[in-house]
Structures are given as C-alpha cells and as structure tokens.
Amino acid sequence: MSAGFGEAITARRARERVAVPDDAAARPRRHLRIGEMAGATGVSERLLRYYESRGLLMPHRTDLGHRLYSPEDVSRVLLIRFLLDGGVSTQNISLLLDCAHEGIDISTTCEELAAMLDDEYERISHEIESLGRTRQYIAVLTGRTASLA
C-alpha cells in the first residue's frame, strides 16, 4: 500500500472521529449507544470495542466519551460479521473497508485489495470443495447415499 493512500485513510478516519454533543436533542439523526448497537447487531459490546481497536469501526464520541454509532455502523458491523464468518481476517476486512467505499473502482485504486480478494476467492472455493467431499463421505457413512462417486 502506498504511503499516500495510507495518509488519505488516516486523514479520513481523523475526520470521522468528531466529538458529538452528549445532549440527545443536539443529535439530528438517531445514534445508538454501545448496548443498543449490541442489541441491533447481535454482536457483543466486547466485540464492538475489539472492532474499534482494529480500526474496523469508528464510532463518534460524546463530550463524555461515550460511543455513539450511526445507522450506517449497523450495516458495517453486519458486513464485518459476514466476512469474519466467511473466514476473512480482520486485517483483510480493514483493507476492504478502507478501499471499497463510496463506489470507488478498486481495480484502479487498491491493487492490494484486488489481490487479496482473488486470494480469498480461491481460499473459499477450495474450502467449499473440501466441505463437499467431507459431506459426501459422511453421507455414505450414514447411509444417505450408496457410495462415494
């Protein structure tokens, strides 16, 4: 990843970390506190803090330091869970979230992401084939099918 690209990401993250007043009336959009976010996504408060520590999630903060999550953060957490459940590492998720936002053409801006996605595609394809063979073997053992083809 080029230094210029990394600096742009750091600047974008800094802009996103603006303090939000603790007064609920000052918030034009409904923000969720950490417990509400956990309830909305099914992800524990501990995991939400972990995602933040890994740079995957950047909640706003109130004047008192309380985390406030936007409605878009709900979708982001669900995407993070989806990718983690598929075996994608937090490092690769971070790269994906940094590169693939706002309709950016990753083929021209994030060569590293394109290569990572190719690797993940191959890894998942191999895993699917392996799981299929294991499933077939179990089917034979349990009498669900006559033989291994």
Foldseek 3Di string as FASTA:
>chain_A
DDPVLVVVLVVVLVVQAEADAPDPVSDPADWDFLVVLCVLQVNHSVVVVVCVVLVQDHFYAHPVGTGTHGPVVSVSVNVVVVCVVLVHDSVLSNLCVSQPPPNHDCVPPPPVNVVVVVVSVVVSVVVVVVVVQVVLVVCCVVVVDVDDD
